[in-house]
Amino acid sequence: MRTLARPVVPIRTPVGRNVSRASSNRASNTTLKASSTNNDSELTAPKLTKRQLARWALTACTAPLWIDVGKDLGFFTGSDAEYPELIVPGAGEAVAEFAAGCFWSVEKTFRALPGVTSTQTGYIGGFVDRPRYFDVAGGRTGHVESVRVVYDKSNTSYEDLLRAYWRSVDATRDDGQFVDSGEQYRPVIWAMDAAQRDTAERSRDALMHANVYGKPIKVSITDASDKTFWPAEFYHQEYFISHKNKYDFYSSLSGRDEYIASVWGDERSAARRKI
């Protein structure tokens, strides 16, 4: 007996198109496969281009640098943002304090001198207690970046310190030093007593008489006996040692070395060697 084929019942789609049930099943299977493929792609990490990889690598490498820049500007706190105790002289030692722009460079100058036993960066002359680097550098406290020097009087003298000072400063400016501008970077010889003041004034007068700088000397000689020296944060102590590469980079851009060489290179004359 002949078997009759089962008729295919047409299905009406929402838009009115007739399709067979078999066609509908095939379409459904195709949709499920496509959906599965999309889900798999969402779970797979995207492939980065070489340019994107390079950008991520650059970000990872420079992140520590930007953190250090933030520390330089005083934005971060931590153990190295705390303050050391004030250094004090021992038996046979004396103290001198100087300002000549960025205290990183000034500390390096005096640390290299024979007879200097210790140095400390800090702030003098402001109108608030316990100043922070961020505020001093922004000119908001009235302080001047300075360096406290403890020296052995049997191995060096205050006159020797002054000779080193004049050879590390642009004495013709009173509004900053080299690349650093502002009252917080002005040059000052902080006289601890009358004897230091007299010695500093004689030293300055000798330089003016010899016309070493070719312009009037504007370095202030100021009584510091009633002023507090606030030690700077640990981060700024011995910066030229603990952050040598960054200090060298800063120093190369500051213009300090070039200026000093233009004024004192080879000492220029025998008269200047005696000053």
Protein backbone atom coordinates (compact mmCIF):
# COMPACT_ATOMS: atom_id res chain seq x y z
CA MET A 1 0.00 0.00 0.00
CA ARG A 2 1.35 3.48 -0.89
CA THR A 3 2.35 5.67 2.04
CA LEU A 4 1.41 9.30 1.78
CA ALA A 5 4.02 11.88 2.83
CA ARG A 6 3.06 14.00 5.81
CA PRO A 7 2.31 17.48 4.64
CA VAL A 8 4.56 20.31 5.81
CA VAL A 9 2.58 22.89 7.75
CA PRO A 10 3.58 26.42 6.88
CA ILE A 11 4.48 28.81 9.74
CA ARG A 12 3.61 32.46 9.49
CA THR A 13 6.36 34.77 10.67
CA PRO A 14 5.67 38.11 12.38
CA VAL A 15 6.23 39.89 9.08
CA GLY A 16 3.86 37.59 7.27
CA ARG A 17 6.41 35.43 5.49
CA ASN A 18 5.65 31.68 5.15
CA VAL A 19 8.53 29.36 6.03
CA SER A 20 8.60 25.66 6.68
CA ARG A 21 9.06 24.21 10.17
CA ALA A 22 12.32 22.61 9.00
CA SER A 23 13.63 25.98 7.82
CA SER A 24 12.65 27.48 11.16
CA ASN A 25 14.57 24.80 13.03
CA ARG A 26 17.68 25.39 10.92
CA ALA A 27 17.46 29.12 11.56
CA SER A 28 17.06 28.49 15.28
CA ASN A 29 20.15 26.28 15.35
CA THR A 30 22.14 28.91 13.47
CA THR A 31 21.07 31.57 15.97
CA LEU A 32 22.11 29.41 18.92
CA LYS A 33 25.55 28.78 17.39
CA ALA A 34 26.03 32.47 16.73
CA SER A 35 25.00 33.29 20.30
CA SER A 36 27.42 30.71 21.64
CA THR A 37 30.21 32.17 19.52
CA ASN A 38 29.49 35.67 20.83
CA ASN A 39 29.55 34.46 24.44
CA ASP A 40 32.90 32.75 23.89
CA SER A 41 34.38 35.93 22.42
CA GLU A 42 33.25 37.89 25.48
CA LEU A 43 35.18 35.53 27.74
CA THR A 44 38.37 35.71 25.68
CA ALA A 45 40.87 38.54 26.43
CA PRO A 46 41.17 40.97 23.52
CA LYS A 47 44.35 40.88 21.52
CA LEU A 48 46.44 44.05 21.91
CA THR A 49 48.25 45.65 19.04
CA LYS A 50 51.97 46.37 19.25
CA ARG A 51 51.19 50.05 19.70
CA GLN A 52 48.86 49.32 22.62
CA LEU A 53 51.42 47.02 24.22
CA ALA A 54 54.06 49.73 23.88
CA ARG A 55 51.79 52.26 25.58
CA TRP A 56 51.10 49.94 28.50
CA ALA A 57 54.82 49.18 28.85
CA LEU A 58 55.67 52.90 28.84
CA THR A 59 53.05 53.57 31.51
CA ALA A 60 54.40 50.77 33.71
CA CYS A 61 57.98 51.98 33.35
CA THR A 62 57.26 55.65 34.04
CA ALA A 63 54.82 55.21 36.93
CA PRO A 64 57.61 55.18 39.57
CA LEU A 65 59.04 58.37 38.05
CA TRP A 66 55.73 60.20 38.34
CA ILE A 67 55.37 59.01 41.93
CA ASP A 68 58.80 60.46 42.71
CA VAL A 69 57.89 63.72 41.00
CA GLY A 70 54.85 63.87 43.26
CA LYS A 71 57.11 63.34 46.26
CA ASP A 72 59.45 66.07 45.04
CA LEU A 73 56.49 68.43 45.00
CA GLY A 74 55.25 67.30 48.41
CA PHE A 75 52.02 65.61 47.35
CA PHE A 76 52.66 62.27 49.09
CA THR A 77 53.02 61.38 52.76
CA GLY A 78 54.82 58.49 54.38
CA SER A 79 57.94 57.71 56.39
CA ASP A 80 60.17 59.74 54.06
CA ALA A 81 57.80 62.71 54.43
CA GLU A 82 58.48 62.86 58.17
CA TYR A 83 61.10 65.14 59.70
CA PRO A 84 64.50 64.35 61.22
CA GLU A 85 65.77 65.84 64.46
CA LEU A 86 67.77 69.05 64.21
CA ILE A 87 71.50 68.38 63.95
CA VAL A 88 73.54 70.02 66.72
CA PRO A 89 77.27 70.66 67.05
CA GLY A 90 79.46 68.58 69.29
CA ALA A 91 82.59 69.53 71.19
CA GLY A 92 84.90 71.68 69.06
CA GLU A 93 82.23 72.18 66.38
CA ALA A 94 80.25 75.21 65.21
CA VAL A 95 77.16 75.88 63.08
CA ALA A 96 76.65 77.98 59.95
CA GLU A 97 73.52 78.38 57.83
CA PHE A 98 73.23 79.44 54.20
CA ALA A 99 70.63 79.83 51.45
CA ALA A 100 71.52 79.85 47.76
CA GLY A 101 68.56 78.50 45.83
CA CYS A 102 67.55 74.85 45.75
CA PHE A 103 68.81 73.28 48.97
CA TRP A 104 69.69 70.02 47.20
CA SER A 105 72.56 71.78 45.43
CA VAL A 106 73.62 73.86 48.43
CA GLU A 107 73.89 70.77 50.62
CA LYS A 108 76.05 69.03 48.03
CA THR A 109 78.41 72.02 47.93
CA PHE A 110 79.06 72.06 51.67
CA ARG A 111 79.07 68.31 52.18
CA ALA A 112 82.14 68.09 49.94
CA LEU A 113 84.22 70.49 52.07
CA PRO A 114 86.97 69.22 54.39
CA GLY A 115 86.10 69.76 58.03
CA VAL A 116 82.32 69.67 57.51
CA THR A 117 80.96 66.92 59.76
CA SER A 118 77.25 67.06 58.87
CA THR A 119 74.69 69.00 56.83
CA GLN A 120 70.92 69.29 56.88
CA THR A 121 68.40 70.83 54.50
CA GLY A 122 65.59 72.90 55.95
CA TYR A 123 63.56 76.08 56.08
CA ILE A 124 64.26 79.43 57.81
CA GLY A 125 62.52 82.75 58.23
CA GLY A 126 58.84 82.04 57.72
CA PHE A 127 55.71 82.91 59.65
CA VAL A 128 54.26 79.43 60.30
CA ASP A 129 55.49 76.55 62.46
CA ARG A 130 56.52 73.19 61.03
CA PRO A 131 56.42 74.16 57.32
CA ARG A 132 55.99 71.51 54.62
CA TYR A 133 57.99 71.42 51.41
CA PHE A 134 54.83 71.72 49.33
CA ASP A 135 53.91 75.00 51.03
CA VAL A 136 57.43 76.45 51.12
CA ALA A 137 58.05 75.67 47.45
CA GLY A 138 54.76 77.37 46.63
CA GLY A 139 55.85 80.53 48.45
CA ARG A 140 53.01 80.29 50.97
CA THR A 141 54.96 80.34 54.26
CA GLY A 142 57.65 83.01 53.90
CA HIS A 143 60.43 80.47 54.52
CA VAL A 144 63.66 80.22 52.54
CA GLU A 145 65.19 76.89 51.51
CA SER A 146 68.42 76.72 53.51
CA VAL A 147 71.18 74.40 54.67
CA ARG A 148 72.55 73.99 58.17
CA VAL A 149 76.27 73.14 58.28
CA VAL A 150 78.11 71.69 61.27
CA TYR A 151 81.88 71.95 60.97
CA ASP A 152 84.98 71.10 62.96
CA LYS A 153 86.67 74.37 63.87
CA SER A 154 90.08 72.70 64.04
CA ASN A 155 89.85 71.54 60.41
CA THR A 156 88.09 74.43 58.69
CA SER A 157 86.87 77.96 59.36
CA TYR A 158 83.85 80.13 58.75
CA GLU A 159 85.93 82.01 56.16
CA ASP A 160 86.43 78.74 54.26
CA LEU A 161 82.69 78.14 54.25
CA LEU A 162 82.10 81.66 52.91
CA ARG A 163 84.58 81.10 50.09
CA ALA A 164 82.65 77.98 49.09
CA TYR A 165 79.37 79.85 49.38
CA TRP A 166 80.37 82.72 47.06
CA ARG A 167 81.48 80.13 44.49
CA SER A 168 78.07 78.45 44.46
CA VAL A 169 75.68 81.40 44.24
CA ASP A 170 74.54 84.06 41.78
CA ALA A 171 75.13 86.95 44.17
CA THR A 172 73.52 89.46 41.80
CA ARG A 173 69.99 88.09 42.28
CA ASP A 174 67.66 88.44 45.24
CA ASP A 175 64.53 86.99 43.60
CA GLY A 176 65.67 83.39 43.28
CA GLN A 177 68.60 81.40 41.98
CA PHE A 178 69.20 80.03 38.50
CA VAL A 179 66.16 78.05 37.28
CA ASP A 180 64.32 78.50 40.61
CA SER A 181 62.53 81.81 41.08
CA GLY A 182 60.77 83.22 44.11
CA GLU A 183 61.50 84.54 47.59
CA GLN A 184 61.82 80.98 48.87
CA TYR A 185 64.97 80.59 46.75
CA ARG A 186 66.64 83.94 47.49
CA PRO A 187 70.29 83.91 48.66
CA VAL A 188 70.93 84.57 52.35
CA ILE A 189 73.87 84.26 54.71
CA TRP A 190 72.25 83.52 58.07
CA ALA A 191 74.59 84.97 60.70
CA MET A 192 74.46 82.97 63.93
CA ASP A 193 76.19 85.72 65.94
CA ALA A 194 77.93 89.09 65.61
CA ALA A 195 81.26 87.49 64.73
CA GLN A 196 79.76 85.63 61.77
CA ARG A 197 78.00 88.79 60.59
CA ASP A 198 81.23 90.80 60.66
CA THR A 199 83.14 88.07 58.81
CA ALA A 200 80.41 87.74 56.17
CA GLU A 201 80.25 91.50 55.61
CA ARG A 202 84.03 91.76 55.16
CA SER A 203 83.92 88.87 52.69
CA ARG A 204 81.11 90.53 50.73
CA ASP A 205 82.89 93.90 50.69
CA ALA A 206 86.06 92.30 49.31
CA LEU A 207 84.08 90.75 46.46
CA MET A 208 82.39 94.06 45.69
CA HIS A 209 85.74 95.87 45.68
CA ALA A 210 87.15 93.30 43.24
CA ASN A 211 83.98 93.58 41.09
CA VAL A 212 83.90 89.80 40.78
CA TYR A 213 80.31 89.60 39.57
CA GLY A 214 80.26 92.76 37.49
CA LYS A 215 77.03 93.83 39.21
CA PRO A 216 75.96 94.84 42.73
CA ILE A 217 75.85 92.01 45.26
CA LYS A 218 72.31 91.39 46.52
CA VAL A 219 72.93 88.55 48.96
CA SER A 220 71.28 89.32 52.29
CA ILE A 221 73.32 88.93 55.49
CA THR A 222 70.64 88.35 58.12
CA ASP A 223 70.73 87.75 61.86
CA ALA A 224 69.50 84.20 62.49
CA SER A 225 70.00 84.03 66.25
CA ASP A 226 66.25 84.45 66.81
CA LYS A 227 65.09 82.35 63.85
CA THR A 228 64.14 78.68 63.86
CA PHE A 229 65.74 76.24 61.46
CA TRP A 230 63.08 73.67 60.54
CA PRO A 231 64.63 70.46 59.14
CA ALA A 232 63.14 69.45 55.79
CA GLU A 233 61.50 66.07 55.24
CA PHE A 234 63.70 62.96 55.18
CA TYR A 235 63.04 62.75 51.43
CA HIS A 236 64.99 65.99 50.87
CA GLN A 237 67.99 65.09 53.02
CA GLU A 238 71.12 64.13 51.04
CA TYR A 239 68.99 64.21 47.91
CA PHE A 240 72.07 64.31 45.68
CA ILE A 241 73.01 60.89 47.08
CA SER A 242 69.68 59.11 47.58
CA HIS A 243 68.25 60.32 44.24
CA LYS A 244 71.45 60.79 42.29
CA ASN A 245 70.06 60.33 38.78
CA LYS A 246 67.20 62.75 39.31
CA TYR A 247 69.46 65.26 41.02
CA ASP A 248 71.98 65.10 38.18
CA PHE A 249 69.16 65.66 35.68
CA TYR A 250 67.87 68.66 37.64
CA SER A 251 71.37 70.07 38.05
CA SER A 252 72.10 69.78 34.33
CA LEU A 253 69.04 71.94 33.60
CA SER A 254 69.44 74.45 36.43
CA GLY A 255 72.18 76.55 34.82
CA ARG A 256 74.11 76.72 38.10
CA ASP A 257 77.30 75.03 36.91
CA GLU A 258 77.47 77.11 33.74
CA TYR A 259 77.07 80.36 35.64
CA ILE A 260 79.65 79.45 38.29
CA ALA A 261 82.13 78.49 35.57
CA SER A 262 81.56 81.81 33.78
CA VAL A 263 82.38 83.76 36.96
CA TRP A 264 84.93 81.60 38.75
CA GLY A 265 86.36 79.33 36.05
CA ASP A 266 90.09 78.83 36.74
CA GLU A 267 89.60 81.48 39.45
CA ARG A 268 90.25 84.11 36.72
CA SER A 269 92.91 86.00 38.69
CA ALA A 270 95.26 85.66 41.65
CA ALA A 271 93.28 88.37 43.43
CA ARG A 272 90.14 86.27 43.35
CA ARG A 273 91.92 83.26 44.79
CA LYS A 274 92.47 85.25 47.97
CA ILE A 275 88.82 86.20 48.33
